[in-house]
Amino acid sequence: MKKHLIGLVTILFLALNVTAKAGDDKEKEVKIKTSAICEMCKERIERNLAFEKGIKESNLDLKDKVVTVKYNPKKTDVNKIKANISKTGYDADEVTADQKGYDKLPSCCKKSGHK
């Protein structure tokens, strides 16, 4: 009887563990305010995000300057996504644009007043 109980507890534990891990793979979504200006900015940000591991989809709405990113939280996180946008040369919420990335942008994509 004791062996059956131990076996049942083990199976239950394994089932709960597998269920918990499956829940971690769920796609997440984040909205990040950017300093993007034009269609070239949109293309640049979306293209660079597409190369980031774990990013499933990104879409920049130029009207409100917010990029919506769908991602796998086991492969990336919000900080890495913001760092990618910053390295591309744009602000990402509280993360300011990386100067080297910003300097590479065409003049039409640069915001006024940036250092």
C-alpha atoms as a PDB file:
ATOM      1  CA  MET A   1       0.000   0.000   0.000  1.00  0.00           C
ATOM      2  CA  LYS A   2       2.830   2.365   0.879  1.00  0.00           C
ATOM      3  CA  LYS A   3       4.500   1.780  -2.544  1.00  0.00           C
ATOM      4  CA  HIS A   4       1.243   2.603  -4.322  1.00  0.00           C
ATOM      5  CA  LEU A   5       0.893   5.818  -2.341  1.00  0.00           C
ATOM      6  CA  ILE A   6       4.475   6.857  -3.126  1.00  0.00           C
ATOM      7  CA  GLY A   7       3.923   6.055  -6.822  1.00  0.00           C
ATOM      8  CA  LEU A   8       0.706   8.082  -6.876  1.00  0.00           C
ATOM      9  CA  VAL A   9       2.359  11.050  -5.176  1.00  0.00           C
ATOM     10  CA  THR A  10       5.274  10.880  -7.635  1.00  0.00           C
ATOM     11  CA  ILE A  11       2.941  10.821 -10.653  1.00  0.00           C
ATOM     12  CA  LEU A  12       0.935  13.737  -9.222  1.00  0.00           C
ATOM     13  CA  PHE A  13       4.113  15.734  -8.600  1.00  0.00           C
ATOM     14  CA  LEU A  14       5.395  15.105 -12.132  1.00  0.00           C
ATOM     15  CA  ALA A  15       2.037  16.083 -13.647  1.00  0.00           C
ATOM     16  CA  LEU A  16       1.985  19.348 -11.684  1.00  0.00           C
ATOM     17  CA  ASN A  17       5.596  20.085 -12.636  1.00  0.00           C
ATOM     18  CA  VAL A  18       4.918  19.571 -16.362  1.00  0.00           C
ATOM     19  CA  THR A  19       1.785  21.756 -16.142  1.00  0.00           C
ATOM     20  CA  ALA A  20       3.745  24.550 -14.433  1.00  0.00           C
ATOM     21  CA  LYS A  21       6.473  24.459 -17.077  1.00  0.00           C
ATOM     22  CA  ALA A  22       3.934  24.522 -19.907  1.00  0.00           C
ATOM     23  CA  GLY A  23       2.404  27.684 -18.391  1.00  0.00           C
ATOM     24  CA  ASP A  24       5.806  29.435 -18.479  1.00  0.00           C
ATOM     25  CA  ASP A  25       5.944  29.146 -22.278  1.00  0.00           C
ATOM     26  CA  LYS A  26       2.906  31.336 -22.768  1.00  0.00           C
ATOM     27  CA  GLU A  27       3.462  34.293 -25.017  1.00  0.00           C
ATOM     28  CA  LYS A  28       3.572  37.661 -23.283  1.00  0.00           C
ATOM     29  CA  GLU A  29       2.983  41.126 -24.666  1.00  0.00           C
ATOM     30  CA  VAL A  30       4.523  44.449 -23.738  1.00  0.00           C
ATOM     31  CA  LYS A  31       3.912  47.981 -25.000  1.00  0.00           C
ATOM     32  CA  ILE A  32       6.925  50.287 -25.070  1.00  0.00           C
ATOM     33  CA  LYS A  33       6.902  54.025 -25.827  1.00  0.00           C
ATOM     34  CA  THR A  34       9.577  54.974 -28.360  1.00  0.00           C
ATOM     35  CA  SER A  35      11.024  58.099 -29.930  1.00  0.00           C
ATOM     36  CA  ALA A  36      10.294  56.841 -33.464  1.00  0.00           C
ATOM     37  CA  ILE A  37       9.244  59.454 -36.009  1.00  0.00           C
ATOM     38  CA  CYS A  38       8.653  57.986 -39.446  1.00  0.00           C
ATOM     39  CA  GLU A  39       8.083  54.846 -41.499  1.00  0.00           C
ATOM     40  CA  MET A  40      11.862  54.262 -41.725  1.00  0.00           C
ATOM     41  CA  CYS A  41      12.015  54.259 -37.917  1.00  0.00           C
ATOM     42  CA  LYS A  42       9.175  51.740 -37.810  1.00  0.00           C
ATOM     43  CA  GLU A  43      10.918  49.426 -40.280  1.00  0.00           C
ATOM     44  CA  ARG A  44      14.248  49.693 -38.461  1.00  0.00           C
ATOM     45  CA  ILE A  45      12.822  48.951 -35.006  1.00  0.00           C
ATOM     46  CA  GLU A  46      10.635  46.067 -36.197  1.00  0.00           C
ATOM     47  CA  ARG A  47      13.487  44.547 -38.233  1.00  0.00           C
ATOM     48  CA  ASN A  48      15.952  44.689 -35.342  1.00  0.00           C
ATOM     49  CA  LEU A  49      13.427  43.233 -32.918  1.00  0.00           C
ATOM     50  CA  ALA A  50      12.779  40.361 -35.349  1.00  0.00           C
ATOM     51  CA  PHE A  51      16.416  39.285 -34.881  1.00  0.00           C
ATOM     52  CA  GLU A  52      16.098  39.240 -31.072  1.00  0.00           C
ATOM     53  CA  LYS A  53      15.807  35.698 -29.681  1.00  0.00           C
ATOM     54  CA  GLY A  54      12.336  35.053 -28.285  1.00  0.00           C
ATOM     55  CA  ILE A  55      10.526  37.869 -30.114  1.00  0.00           C
ATOM     56  CA  LYS A  56       7.518  36.474 -31.915  1.00  0.00           C
ATOM     57  CA  GLU A  57       6.057  39.686 -33.329  1.00  0.00           C
ATOM     58  CA  SER A  58       6.417  43.453 -33.095  1.00  0.00           C
ATOM     59  CA  ASN A  59       4.345  46.305 -34.432  1.00  0.00           C
ATOM     60  CA  LEU A  60       5.119  49.995 -34.033  1.00  0.00           C
ATOM     61  CA  ASP A  61       2.155  52.366 -34.142  1.00  0.00           C
ATOM     62  CA  LEU A  62       3.666  55.628 -35.389  1.00  0.00           C
ATOM     63  CA  LYS A  63       0.639  57.662 -34.328  1.00  0.00           C
ATOM     64  CA  ASP A  64       1.201  57.006 -30.620  1.00  0.00           C
ATOM     65  CA  LYS A  65       4.875  55.928 -30.955  1.00  0.00           C
ATOM     66  CA  VAL A  66       4.251  52.687 -29.071  1.00  0.00           C
ATOM     67  CA  VAL A  67       5.713  49.375 -30.154  1.00  0.00           C
ATOM     68  CA  THR A  68       3.740  46.292 -29.148  1.00  0.00           C
ATOM     69  CA  VAL A  69       5.974  43.237 -28.774  1.00  0.00           C
ATOM     70  CA  LYS A  70       4.856  39.626 -28.364  1.00  0.00           C
ATOM     71  CA  TYR A  71       7.598  37.467 -26.914  1.00  0.00           C
ATOM     72  CA  ASN A  72       8.480  34.192 -25.234  1.00  0.00           C
ATOM     73  CA  PRO A  73       9.400  35.006 -21.599  1.00  0.00           C
ATOM     74  CA  LYS A  74      11.650  31.917 -21.403  1.00  0.00           C
ATOM     75  CA  LYS A  75      13.890  33.354 -24.140  1.00  0.00           C
ATOM     76  CA  THR A  76      13.845  37.108 -23.533  1.00  0.00           C
ATOM     77  CA  ASP A  77      12.475  39.758 -21.201  1.00  0.00           C
ATOM     78  CA  VAL A  78      11.316  43.373 -21.233  1.00  0.00           C
ATOM     79  CA  ASN A  79      14.765  44.724 -20.318  1.00  0.00           C
ATOM     80  CA  LYS A  80      16.382  42.954 -23.299  1.00  0.00           C
ATOM     81  CA  ILE A  81      13.652  44.229 -25.609  1.00  0.00           C
ATOM     82  CA  LYS A  82      14.181  47.811 -24.387  1.00  0.00           C
ATOM     83  CA  ALA A  83      17.958  47.401 -24.775  1.00  0.00           C
ATOM     84  CA  ASN A  84      17.445  46.274 -28.382  1.00  0.00           C
ATOM     85  CA  ILE A  85      15.352  49.369 -29.155  1.00  0.00           C
ATOM     86  CA  SER A  86      17.903  51.594 -27.419  1.00  0.00           C
ATOM     87  CA  LYS A  87      20.833  50.094 -29.358  1.00  0.00           C
ATOM     88  CA  THR A  88      18.856  50.719 -32.537  1.00  0.00           C
ATOM     89  CA  GLY A  89      18.979  54.427 -31.632  1.00  0.00           C
ATOM     90  CA  TYR A  90      15.583  55.074 -30.060  1.00  0.00           C
ATOM     91  CA  ASP A  91      14.267  55.709 -26.574  1.00  0.00           C
ATOM     92  CA  ALA A  92      12.372  52.791 -25.029  1.00  0.00           C
ATOM     93  CA  ASP A  93      10.229  54.014 -22.121  1.00  0.00           C
ATOM     94  CA  GLU A  94      12.734  55.134 -19.459  1.00  0.00           C
ATOM     95  CA  VAL A  95      15.744  53.743 -21.368  1.00  0.00           C
ATOM     96  CA  THR A  96      17.315  56.488 -23.459  1.00  0.00           C
ATOM     97  CA  ALA A  97      18.656  55.855 -26.935  1.00  0.00           C
ATOM     98  CA  ASP A  98      22.173  54.484 -27.149  1.00  0.00           C
ATOM     99  CA  GLN A  99      24.372  57.291 -28.505  1.00  0.00           C
ATOM    100  CA  LYS A 100      26.183  55.093 -31.049  1.00  0.00           C
ATOM    101  CA  GLY A 101      22.895  53.756 -32.403  1.00  0.00           C
ATOM    102  CA  TYR A 102      21.385  57.229 -32.453  1.00  0.00           C
ATOM    103  CA  ASP A 103      24.376  58.658 -34.350  1.00  0.00           C
ATOM    104  CA  LYS A 104      23.842  56.069 -37.114  1.00  0.00           C
ATOM    105  CA  LEU A 105      20.230  57.131 -37.733  1.00  0.00           C
ATOM    106  CA  PRO A 106      19.395  59.220 -40.819  1.00  0.00           C
ATOM    107  CA  SER A 107      18.826  62.880 -39.931  1.00  0.00           C
ATOM    108  CA  CYS A 108      15.071  62.574 -40.549  1.00  0.00           C
ATOM    109  CA  CYS A 109      14.847  59.925 -37.807  1.00  0.00           C
ATOM    110  CA  LYS A 110      16.603  62.003 -35.139  1.00  0.00           C
ATOM    111  CA  LYS A 111      14.524  63.792 -32.578  1.00  0.00           C
ATOM    112  CA  SER A 112      15.359  67.427 -31.902  1.00  0.00           C
ATOM    113  CA  GLY A 113      17.155  68.241 -28.678  1.00  0.00           C
ATOM    114  CA  HIS A 114      19.007  64.903 -28.338  1.00  0.00           C
ATOM    115  CA  LYS A 115      22.599  65.196 -27.122  1.00  0.00           C
END
